[in-house]
mmCIF file of all heavy atoms, coordinates in Angstrom:
data_MODEL
# 
_entry.id   MODEL 
# 
loop_
_atom_site.group_PDB 
_atom_site.id 
_atom_site.type_symbol 
_atom_site.label_atom_id 
_atom_site.label_alt_id 
_atom_site.label_comp_id 
_atom_site.label_asym_id 
_atom_site.label_entity_id 
_atom_site.label_seq_id 
_atom_site.pdbx_PDB_ins_code 
_atom_site.Cartn_x 
_atom_site.Cartn_y 
_atom_site.Cartn_z 
_atom_site.occupancy 
_atom_site.B_iso_or_equiv 
_atom_site.pdbx_formal_charge 
_atom_site.auth_seq_id 
_atom_site.auth_comp_id 
_atom_site.auth_asym_id 
_atom_site.auth_atom_id 
_atom_site.pdbx_PDB_model_num 
ATOM 1   N N   . ALA A 1 1  ? -43.337 -20.621 -101.259 1.00 0.00 ? 1  ALA A N   1 
ATOM 2   C CA  . ALA A 1 1  ? -43.374 -21.434 -100.041 1.00 0.00 ? 1  ALA A CA  1 
ATOM 3   C C   . ALA A 1 1  ? -44.624 -21.154 -99.215  1.00 0.00 ? 1  ALA A C   1 
ATOM 4   O O   . ALA A 1 1  ? -45.141 -22.049 -98.538  1.00 0.00 ? 1  ALA A O   1 
ATOM 5   C CB  . ALA A 1 1  ? -42.120 -21.169 -99.194  1.00 0.00 ? 1  ALA A CB  1 
ATOM 6   N N   . LEU A 1 2  ? -45.116 -19.921 -99.269  1.00 0.00 ? 2  LEU A N   1 
ATOM 7   C CA  . LEU A 1 2  ? -46.239 -19.545 -98.406  1.00 0.00 ? 2  LEU A CA  1 
ATOM 8   C C   . LEU A 1 2  ? -47.572 -19.373 -99.129  1.00 0.00 ? 2  LEU A C   1 
ATOM 9   O O   . LEU A 1 2  ? -48.616 -19.724 -98.570  1.00 0.00 ? 2  LEU A O   1 
ATOM 10  C CB  . LEU A 1 2  ? -45.895 -18.268 -97.640  1.00 0.00 ? 2  LEU A CB  1 
ATOM 11  C CG  . LEU A 1 2  ? -44.697 -18.376 -96.688  1.00 0.00 ? 2  LEU A CG  1 
ATOM 12  C CD1 . LEU A 1 2  ? -44.489 -17.057 -95.954  1.00 0.00 ? 2  LEU A CD1 1 
ATOM 13  C CD2 . LEU A 1 2  ? -44.856 -19.528 -95.713  1.00 0.00 ? 2  LEU A CD2 1 
ATOM 14  N N   . CYS A 1 3  ? -47.569 -18.841 -100.329 1.00 0.00 ? 3  CYS A N   1 
ATOM 15  C CA  . CYS A 1 3  ? -48.833 -18.589 -101.029 1.00 0.00 ? 3  CYS A CA  1 
ATOM 16  C C   . CYS A 1 3  ? -49.558 -19.907 -101.325 1.00 0.00 ? 3  CYS A C   1 
ATOM 17  O O   . CYS A 1 3  ? -48.955 -20.865 -101.798 1.00 0.00 ? 3  CYS A O   1 
ATOM 18  C CB  . CYS A 1 3  ? -48.592 -17.829 -102.331 1.00 0.00 ? 3  CYS A CB  1 
ATOM 19  S SG  . CYS A 1 3  ? -48.080 -16.123 -102.040 1.00 0.00 ? 3  CYS A SG  1 
ATOM 20  N N   . GLY A 1 4  ? -50.851 -19.936 -100.992 1.00 0.00 ? 4  GLY A N   1 
ATOM 21  C CA  . GLY A 1 4  ? -51.662 -21.133 -101.202 1.00 0.00 ? 4  GLY A CA  1 
ATOM 22  C C   . GLY A 1 4  ? -51.598 -22.130 -100.066 1.00 0.00 ? 4  GLY A C   1 
ATOM 23  O O   . GLY A 1 4  ? -52.250 -23.171 -100.101 1.00 0.00 ? 4  GLY A O   1 
ATOM 24  N N   . TRP A 1 5  ? -50.844 -21.831 -99.013  1.00 0.00 ? 5  TRP A N   1 
ATOM 25  C CA  . TRP A 1 5  ? -50.642 -22.732 -97.878  1.00 0.00 ? 5  TRP A CA  1 
ATOM 26  C C   . TRP A 1 5  ? -51.223 -22.105 -96.617  1.00 0.00 ? 5  TRP A C   1 
ATOM 27  O O   . TRP A 1 5  ? -51.214 -20.886 -96.461  1.00 0.00 ? 5  TRP A O   1 
ATOM 28  C CB  . TRP A 1 5  ? -49.136 -22.985 -97.704  1.00 0.00 ? 5  TRP A CB  1 
ATOM 29  C CG  . TRP A 1 5  ? -48.754 -23.694 -96.449  1.00 0.00 ? 5  TRP A CG  1 
ATOM 30  C CD1 . TRP A 1 5  ? -48.851 -25.039 -96.195  1.00 0.00 ? 5  TRP A CD1 1 
ATOM 31  C CD2 . TRP A 1 5  ? -48.197 -23.113 -95.261  1.00 0.00 ? 5  TRP A CD2 1 
ATOM 32  N NE1 . TRP A 1 5  ? -48.396 -25.308 -94.926  1.00 0.00 ? 5  TRP A NE1 1 
ATOM 33  C CE2 . TRP A 1 5  ? -47.988 -24.142 -94.331  1.00 0.00 ? 5  TRP A CE2 1 
ATOM 34  C CE3 . TRP A 1 5  ? -47.874 -21.813 -94.905  1.00 0.00 ? 5  TRP A CE3 1 
ATOM 35  C CZ2 . TRP A 1 5  ? -47.455 -23.928 -93.071  1.00 0.00 ? 5  TRP A CZ2 1 
ATOM 36  C CZ3 . TRP A 1 5  ? -47.345 -21.581 -93.644  1.00 0.00 ? 5  TRP A CZ3 1 
ATOM 37  C CH2 . TRP A 1 5  ? -47.133 -22.629 -92.744  1.00 0.00 ? 5  TRP A CH2 1 
ATOM 38  N N   . ALA A 1 6  ? -51.728 -22.927 -95.723  1.00 0.00 ? 6  ALA A N   1 
ATOM 39  C CA  . ALA A 1 6  ? -52.211 -22.463 -94.421  1.00 0.00 ? 6  ALA A CA  1 
ATOM 40  C C   . ALA A 1 6  ? -51.532 -23.281 -93.322  1.00 0.00 ? 6  ALA A C   1 
ATOM 41  O O   . ALA A 1 6  ? -51.388 -24.497 -93.453  1.00 0.00 ? 6  ALA A O   1 
ATOM 42  C CB  . ALA A 1 6  ? -53.720 -22.624 -94.313  1.00 0.00 ? 6  ALA A CB  1 
ATOM 43  N N   . PRO A 1 7  ? -51.103 -22.628 -92.252  1.00 0.00 ? 7  PRO A N   1 
ATOM 44  C CA  . PRO A 1 7  ? -50.396 -23.339 -91.196  1.00 0.00 ? 7  PRO A CA  1 
ATOM 45  C C   . PRO A 1 7  ? -51.291 -24.124 -90.241  1.00 0.00 ? 7  PRO A C   1 
ATOM 46  O O   . PRO A 1 7  ? -50.803 -24.983 -89.522  1.00 0.00 ? 7  PRO A O   1 
ATOM 47  C CB  . PRO A 1 7  ? -49.682 -22.225 -90.436  1.00 0.00 ? 7  PRO A CB  1 
ATOM 48  C CG  . PRO A 1 7  ? -50.503 -21.020 -90.681  1.00 0.00 ? 7  PRO A CG  1 
ATOM 49  C CD  . PRO A 1 7  ? -51.091 -21.191 -92.054  1.00 0.00 ? 7  PRO A CD  1 
ATOM 50  N N   . GLY A 1 8  ? -52.581 -23.848 -90.217  1.00 0.00 ? 8  GLY A N   1 
ATOM 51  C CA  . GLY A 1 8  ? -53.432 -24.521 -89.234  1.00 0.00 ? 8  GLY A CA  1 
ATOM 52  C C   . GLY A 1 8  ? -54.867 -24.582 -89.700  1.00 0.00 ? 8  GLY A C   1 
ATOM 53  O O   . GLY A 1 8  ? -55.141 -24.917 -90.850  1.00 0.00 ? 8  GLY A O   1 
ATOM 54  N N   . ASP A 1 9  ? -55.762 -24.208 -88.824  1.00 0.00 ? 9  ASP A N   1 
ATOM 55  C CA  . ASP A 1 9  ? -57.184 -24.309 -89.131  1.00 0.00 ? 9  ASP A CA  1 
ATOM 56  C C   . ASP A 1 9  ? -57.777 -22.974 -89.572  1.00 0.00 ? 9  ASP A C   1 
ATOM 57  O O   . ASP A 1 9  ? -58.972 -22.732 -89.409  1.00 0.00 ? 9  ASP A O   1 
ATOM 58  C CB  . ASP A 1 9  ? -57.948 -24.859 -87.930  1.00 0.00 ? 9  ASP A CB  1 
ATOM 59  C CG  . ASP A 1 9  ? -57.819 -23.977 -86.699  1.00 0.00 ? 9  ASP A CG  1 
ATOM 60  O OD1 . ASP A 1 9  ? -57.067 -22.974 -86.739  1.00 0.00 ? 9  ASP A OD1 1 
ATOM 61  O OD2 . ASP A 1 9  ? -58.477 -24.284 -85.689  1.00 0.00 ? 9  ASP A OD2 1 
ATOM 62  N N   . GLU A 1 10 ? -56.975 -22.110 -90.164  1.00 0.00 ? 10 GLU A N   1 
ATOM 63  C CA  . GLU A 1 10 ? -57.472 -20.837 -90.668  1.00 0.00 ? 10 GLU A CA  1 
ATOM 64  C C   . GLU A 1 10 ? -58.493 -21.091 -91.768  1.00 0.00 ? 10 GLU A C   1 
ATOM 65  O O   . GLU A 1 10 ? -58.508 -22.144 -92.394  1.00 0.00 ? 10 GLU A O   1 
ATOM 66  C CB  . GLU A 1 10 ? -56.324 -19.970 -91.215  1.00 0.00 ? 10 GLU A CB  1 
ATOM 67  C CG  . GLU A 1 10 ? -55.380 -19.443 -90.169  1.00 0.00 ? 10 GLU A CG  1 
ATOM 68  C CD  . GLU A 1 10 ? -54.374 -20.474 -89.684  1.00 0.00 ? 10 GLU A CD  1 
ATOM 69  O OE1 . GLU A 1 10 ? -54.231 -21.533 -90.307  1.00 0.00 ? 10 GLU A OE1 1 
ATOM 70  O OE2 . GLU A 1 10 ? -53.731 -20.223 -88.658  1.00 0.00 ? 10 GLU A OE2 1 
ATOM 71  N N   . VAL A 1 11 ? -59.322 -20.089 -92.025  1.00 0.00 ? 11 VAL A N   1 
ATOM 72  C CA  . VAL A 1 11 ? -60.368 -20.200 -93.028  1.00 0.00 ? 11 VAL A CA  1 
ATOM 73  C C   . VAL A 1 11 ? -59.771 -20.216 -94.439  1.00 0.00 ? 11 VAL A C   1 
ATOM 74  O O   . VAL A 1 11 ? -60.257 -20.919 -95.323  1.00 0.00 ? 11 VAL A O   1 
ATOM 75  C CB  . VAL A 1 11 ? -61.376 -19.033 -92.882  1.00 0.00 ? 11 VAL A CB  1 
ATOM 76  C CG1 . VAL A 1 11 ? -62.374 -19.021 -94.024  1.00 0.00 ? 11 VAL A CG1 1 
ATOM 77  C CG2 . VAL A 1 11 ? -62.082 -19.138 -91.544  1.00 0.00 ? 11 VAL A CG2 1 
ATOM 78  N N   . GLY A 1 12 ? -58.709 -19.451 -94.668  1.00 0.00 ? 12 GLY A N   1 
ATOM 79  C CA  . GLY A 1 12 ? -58.133 -19.332 -96.003  1.00 0.00 ? 12 GLY A CA  1 
ATOM 80  C C   . GLY A 1 12 ? -56.701 -19.819 -96.052  1.00 0.00 ? 12 GLY A C   1 
ATOM 81  O O   . GLY A 1 12 ? -56.228 -20.549 -95.185  1.00 0.00 ? 12 GLY A O   1 
ATOM 82  N N   . VAL A 1 13 ? -56.006 -19.388 -97.107  1.00 0.00 ? 13 VAL A N   1 
ATOM 83  C CA  . VAL A 1 13 ? -54.595 -19.694 -97.310  1.00 0.00 ? 13 VAL A CA  1 
ATOM 84  C C   . VAL A 1 13 ? -53.845 -18.375 -97.477  1.00 0.00 ? 13 VAL A C   1 
ATOM 85  O O   . VAL A 1 13 ? -54.443 -17.335 -97.746  1.00 0.00 ? 13 VAL A O   1 
ATOM 86  C CB  . VAL A 1 13 ? -54.377 -20.602 -98.542  1.00 0.00 ? 13 VAL A CB  1 
ATOM 87  C CG1 . VAL A 1 13 ? -54.990 -21.968 -98.324  1.00 0.00 ? 13 VAL A CG1 1 
ATOM 88  C CG2 . VAL A 1 13 ? -54.921 -19.954 -99.810  1.00 0.00 ? 13 VAL A CG2 1 
ATOM 89  N N   . PHE A 1 14 ? -52.529 -18.421 -97.335  1.00 0.00 ? 14 PHE A N   1 
ATOM 90  C CA  . PHE A 1 14 ? -51.734 -17.203 -97.495  1.00 0.00 ? 14 PHE A CA  1 
ATOM 91  C C   . PHE A 1 14 ? -51.790 -16.692 -98.932  1.00 0.00 ? 14 PHE A C   1 
ATOM 92  O O   . PHE A 1 14 ? -51.773 -17.476 -99.888  1.00 0.00 ? 14 PHE A O   1 
ATOM 93  C CB  . PHE A 1 14 ? -50.273 -17.446 -97.116  1.00 0.00 ? 14 PHE A CB  1 
ATOM 94  C CG  . PHE A 1 14 ? -50.020 -17.346 -95.650  1.00 0.00 ? 14 PHE A CG  1 
ATOM 95  C CD1 . PHE A 1 14 ? -49.644 -18.455 -94.919  1.00 0.00 ? 14 PHE A CD1 1 
ATOM 96  C CD2 . PHE A 1 14 ? -50.150 -16.126 -94.981  1.00 0.00 ? 14 PHE A CD2 1 
ATOM 97  C CE1 . PHE A 1 14 ? -49.405 -18.367 -93.564  1.00 0.00 ? 14 PHE A CE1 1 
ATOM 98  C CE2 . PHE A 1 14 ? -49.924 -16.032 -93.625  1.00 0.00 ? 14 PHE A CE2 1 
ATOM 99  C CZ  . PHE A 1 14 ? -49.547 -17.149 -92.909  1.00 0.00 ? 14 PHE A CZ  1 
ATOM 100 N N   . GLU A 1 15 ? -51.846 -15.363 -99.032  1.00 0.00 ? 15 GLU A N   1 
ATOM 101 C CA  . GLU A 1 15 ? -51.773 -14.652 -100.305 1.00 0.00 ? 15 GLU A CA  1 
ATOM 102 C C   . GLU A 1 15 ? -50.686 -13.599 -100.186 1.00 0.00 ? 15 GLU A C   1 
ATOM 103 O O   . GLU A 1 15 ? -50.461 -13.062 -99.107  1.00 0.00 ? 15 GLU A O   1 
ATOM 104 C CB  . GLU A 1 15 ? -53.102 -13.934 -100.588 1.00 0.00 ? 15 GLU A CB  1 
ATOM 105 C CG  . GLU A 1 15 ? -54.301 -14.827 -100.650 1.00 0.00 ? 15 GLU A CG  1 
ATOM 106 C CD  . GLU A 1 15 ? -55.604 -14.037 -100.705 1.00 0.00 ? 15 GLU A CD  1 
ATOM 107 O OE1 . GLU A 1 15 ? -55.574 -12.791 -100.585 1.00 0.00 ? 15 GLU A OE1 1 
ATOM 108 O OE2 . GLU A 1 15 ? -56.648 -14.672 -100.866 1.00 0.00 ? 15 GLU A OE2 1 
ATOM 109 N N   . LEU A 1 16 ? -50.039 -13.289 -101.296 1.00 0.00 ? 16 LEU A N   1 
ATOM 110 C CA  . LEU A 1 16 ? -49.055 -12.213 -101.310 1.00 0.00 ? 16 LEU A CA  1 
ATOM 111 C C   . LEU A 1 16 ? -49.789 -10.886 -101.211 1.00 0.00 ? 16 LEU A C   1 
ATOM 112 O O   . LEU A 1 16 ? -50.755 -10.639 -101.938 1.00 0.00 ? 16 LEU A O   1 
ATOM 113 C CB  . LEU A 1 16 ? -48.235 -12.265 -102.600 1.00 0.00 ? 16 LEU A CB  1 
ATOM 114 C CG  . LEU A 1 16 ? -47.217 -11.142 -102.792 1.00 0.00 ? 16 LEU A CG  1 
ATOM 115 C CD1 . LEU A 1 16 ? -46.113 -11.231 -101.745 1.00 0.00 ? 16 LEU A CD1 1 
ATOM 116 C CD2 . LEU A 1 16 ? -46.635 -11.201 -104.200 1.00 0.00 ? 16 LEU A CD2 1 
ATOM 117 N N   . SER A 1 17 ? -49.339 -10.036 -100.311 1.00 0.00 ? 17 SER A N   1 
ATOM 118 C CA  . SER A 1 17 ? -49.935 -8.708  -100.161 1.00 0.00 ? 17 SER A CA  1 
ATOM 119 C C   . SER A 1 17 ? -49.036 -7.635  -100.776 1.00 0.00 ? 17 SER A C   1 
ATOM 120 O O   . SER A 1 17 ? -49.506 -6.789  -101.516 1.00 0.00 ? 17 SER A O   1 
ATOM 121 C CB  . SER A 1 17 ? -50.173 -8.419  -98.681  1.00 0.00 ? 17 SER A CB  1 
ATOM 122 O OG  . SER A 1 17 ? -50.684 -7.138  -98.499  1.00 0.00 ? 17 SER A OG  1 
ATOM 123 N N   . ALA A 1 18 ? -47.740 -7.682  -100.464 1.00 0.00 ? 18 ALA A N   1 
ATOM 124 C CA  . ALA A 1 18 ? -46.802 -6.683  -100.992 1.00 0.00 ? 18 ALA A CA  1 
ATOM 125 C C   . ALA A 1 18 ? -45.380 -7.187  -100.807 1.00 0.00 ? 18 ALA A C   1 
ATOM 126 O O   . ALA A 1 18 ? -45.106 -8.004  -99.929  1.00 0.00 ? 18 ALA A O   1 
ATOM 127 C CB  . ALA A 1 18 ? -46.984 -5.347  -100.275 1.00 0.00 ? 18 ALA A CB  1 
ATOM 128 N N   . GLU A 1 19 ? -44.495 -6.681  -101.638 1.00 0.00 ? 19 GLU A N   1 
ATOM 129 C CA  . GLU A 1 19 ? -43.061 -6.945  -101.468 1.00 0.00 ? 19 GLU A CA  1 
ATOM 130 C C   . GLU A 1 19 ? -42.329 -5.688  -101.888 1.00 0.00 ? 19 GLU A C   1 
ATOM 131 O O   . GLU A 1 19 ? -42.649 -5.097  -102.921 1.00 0.00 ? 19 GLU A O   1 
ATOM 132 C CB  . GLU A 1 19 ? -42.619 -8.124  -102.325 1.00 0.00 ? 19 GLU A CB  1 
ATOM 133 C CG  . GLU A 1 19 ? -41.158 -8.501  -102.099 1.00 0.00 ? 19 GLU A CG  1 
ATOM 134 C CD  . GLU A 1 19 ? -40.831 -9.807  -102.777 1.00 0.00 ? 19 GLU A CD  1 
ATOM 135 O OE1 . GLU A 1 19 ? -40.720 -9.802  -104.021 1.00 0.00 ? 19 GLU A OE1 1 
ATOM 136 O OE2 . GLU A 1 19 ? -40.706 -10.820 -102.071 1.00 0.00 ? 19 GLU A OE2 1 
ATOM 137 N N   . ARG A 1 20 ? -41.364 -5.295  -101.071 1.00 0.00 ? 20 ARG A N   1 
ATOM 138 C CA  . ARG A 1 20 ? -40.640 -4.063  -101.377 1.00 0.00 ? 20 ARG A CA  1 
ATOM 139 C C   . ARG A 1 20 ? -39.232 -4.137  -100.802 1.00 0.00 ? 20 ARG A C   1 
ATOM 140 O O   . ARG A 1 20 ? -38.996 -4.812  -99.805  1.00 0.00 ? 20 ARG A O   1 
ATOM 141 C CB  . ARG A 1 20 ? -41.387 -2.863  -100.818 1.00 0.00 ? 20 ARG A CB  1 
ATOM 142 C CG  . ARG A 1 20 ? -41.458 -2.830  -99.320  1.00 0.00 ? 20 ARG A CG  1 
ATOM 143 C CD  . ARG A 1 20 ? -42.340 -1.697  -98.787  1.00 0.00 ? 20 ARG A CD  1 
ATOM 144 N NE  . ARG A 1 20 ? -42.479 -1.758  -97.354  1.00 0.00 ? 20 ARG A NE  1 
ATOM 145 C CZ  . ARG A 1 20 ? -43.249 -2.589  -96.677  1.00 0.00 ? 20 ARG A CZ  1 
ATOM 146 N NH1 . ARG A 1 20 ? -43.958 -3.476  -97.318  1.00 0.00 ? 20 ARG A NH1 1 
ATOM 147 N NH2 . ARG A 1 20 ? -43.315 -2.561  -95.364  1.00 0.00 ? 20 ARG A NH2 1 
ATOM 148 N N   . PRO A 1 21 ? -38.316 -3.401  -101.419 1.00 0.00 ? 21 PRO A N   1 
ATOM 149 C CA  . PRO A 1 21 ? -36.995 -3.268  -100.806 1.00 0.00 ? 21 PRO A CA  1 
ATOM 150 C C   . PRO A 1 21 ? -37.136 -2.460  -99.522  1.00 0.00 ? 21 PRO A C   1 
ATOM 151 O O   . PRO A 1 21 ? -38.031 -1.625  -99.387  1.00 0.00 ? 21 PRO A O   1 
ATOM 152 C CB  . PRO A 1 21 ? -36.173 -2.512  -101.839 1.00 0.00 ? 21 PRO A CB  1 
ATOM 153 C CG  . PRO A 1 21 ? -37.055 -2.233  -102.986 1.00 0.00 ? 21 PRO A CG  1 
ATOM 154 C CD  . PRO A 1 21 ? -38.423 -2.708  -102.689 1.00 0.00 ? 21 PRO A CD  1 
ATOM 155 N N   . ALA A 1 22 ? -36.261 -2.714  -98.583  1.00 0.00 ? 22 ALA A N   1 
ATOM 156 C CA  . ALA A 1 22 ? -36.267 -1.990  -97.309  1.00 0.00 ? 22 ALA A CA  1 
ATOM 157 C C   . ALA A 1 22 ? -34.921 -1.302  -97.149  1.00 0.00 ? 22 ALA A C   1 
ATOM 158 O O   . ALA A 1 22 ? -33.918 -1.724  -97.744  1.00 0.00 ? 22 ALA A O   1 
ATOM 159 C CB  . ALA A 1 22 ? -36.512 -2.955  -96.162  1.00 0.00 ? 22 ALA A CB  1 
ATOM 160 N N   . PRO A 1 23 ? -34.877 -0.251  -96.350  1.00 0.00 ? 23 PRO A N   1 
ATOM 161 C CA  . PRO A 1 23 ? -33.584 0.402   -96.109  1.00 0.00 ? 23 PRO A CA  1 
ATOM 162 C C   . PRO A 1 23 ? -32.577 -0.621  -95.578  1.00 0.00 ? 23 PRO A C   1 
ATOM 163 O O   . PRO A 1 23 ? -32.915 -1.484  -94.781  1.00 0.00 ? 23 PRO A O   1 
ATOM 164 C CB  . PRO A 1 23 ? -33.909 1.450   -95.043  1.00 0.00 ? 23 PRO A CB  1 
ATOM 165 C CG  . PRO A 1 23 ? -35.370 1.675   -95.159  1.00 0.00 ? 23 PRO A CG  1 
ATOM 166 C CD  . PRO A 1 23 ? -35.962 0.366   -95.613  1.00 0.00 ? 23 PRO A CD  1 
ATOM 167 N N   . SER A 1 24 ? -31.361 -0.518  -96.052  1.00 0.00 ? 24 SER A N   1 
ATOM 168 C CA  . SER A 1 24 ? -30.324 -1.451  -95.610  1.00 0.00 ? 24 SER A CA  1 
ATOM 169 C C   . SER A 1 24 ? -29.010 -0.705  -95.455  1.00 0.00 ? 24 SER A C   1 
ATOM 170 O O   . SER A 1 24 ? -28.872 0.440   -95.860  1.00 0.00 ? 24 SER A O   1 
ATOM 171 C CB  . SER A 1 24 ? -30.192 -2.603  -96.600  1.00 0.00 ? 24 SER A CB  1 
ATOM 172 O OG  . SER A 1 24 ? -29.932 -2.118  -97.892  1.00 0.00 ? 24 SER A OG  1 
ATOM 173 N N   . GLN A 1 25 ? -28.050 -1.401  -94.869  1.00 0.00 ? 25 GLN A N   1 
ATOM 174 C CA  . GLN A 1 25 ? -26.753 -0.791  -94.605  1.00 0.00 ? 25 GLN A CA  1 
ATOM 175 C C   . GLN A 1 25 ? -25.663 -1.850  -94.644  1.00 0.00 ? 25 GLN A C   1 
ATOM 176 O O   . GLN A 1 25 ? -25.945 -3.040  -94.683  1.00 0.00 ? 25 GLN A O   1 
ATOM 177 C CB  . GLN A 1 25 ? -26.776 -0.107  -93.239  1.00 0.00 ? 25 GLN A CB  1 
ATOM 178 C CG  . GLN A 1 25 ? -27.123 -1.055  -92.102  1.00 0.00 ? 25 GLN A CG  1 
ATOM 179 C CD  . GLN A 1 25 ? -27.207 -0.353  -90.774  1.00 0.00 ? 25 GLN A CD  1 
ATOM 180 O OE1 . GLN A 1 25 ? -26.589 0.671   -90.580  1.00 0.00 ? 25 GLN A OE1 1 
ATOM 181 N NE2 . GLN A 1 25 ? -27.960 -0.911  -89.850  1.00 0.00 ? 25 GLN A NE2 1 
ATOM 182 N N   . ARG A 1 26 ? -24.445 -1.418  -94.650  1.00 0.00 ? 26 ARG A N   1 
ATOM 183 C CA  . ARG A 1 26 ? -23.270 -2.291  -94.564  1.00 0.00 ? 26 ARG A CA  1 
ATOM 184 C C   . ARG A 1 26 ? -23.272 -3.430  -95.577  1.00 0.00 ? 26 ARG A C   1 
ATOM 185 O O   . ARG A 1 26 ? -22.998 -4.575  -95.251  1.00 0.00 ? 26 ARG A O   1 
ATOM 186 C CB  . ARG A 1 26 ? -23.141 -2.851  -93.149  1.00 0.00 ? 26 ARG A CB  1 
ATOM 187 C CG  . ARG A 1 26 ? -22.973 -1.775  -92.107  1.00 0.00 ? 26 ARG A CG  1 
ATOM 188 C CD  . ARG A 1 26 ? -22.790 -2.368  -90.737  1.00 0.00 ? 26 ARG A CD  1 
ATOM 189 N NE  . ARG A 1 26 ? -23.050 -1.355  -89.740  1.00 0.00 ? 26 ARG A NE  1 
ATOM 190 C CZ  . ARG A 1 26 ? -23.418 -1.597  -88.514  1.00 0.00 ? 26 ARG A CZ  1 
ATOM 191 N NH1 . ARG A 1 26 ? -23.550 -2.829  -88.098  1.00 0.00 ? 26 ARG A NH1 1 
ATOM 192 N NH2 . ARG A 1 26 ? -23.645 -0.622  -87.681  1.00 0.00 ? 26 ARG A NH2 1 
# 
């Protein structure tokens, strides 16, 4: 949904930087 897309007049487009599990509960 986000990679390759830009929301406005930015110079570039979104790229994936990192993805990780996060601490969770319940």
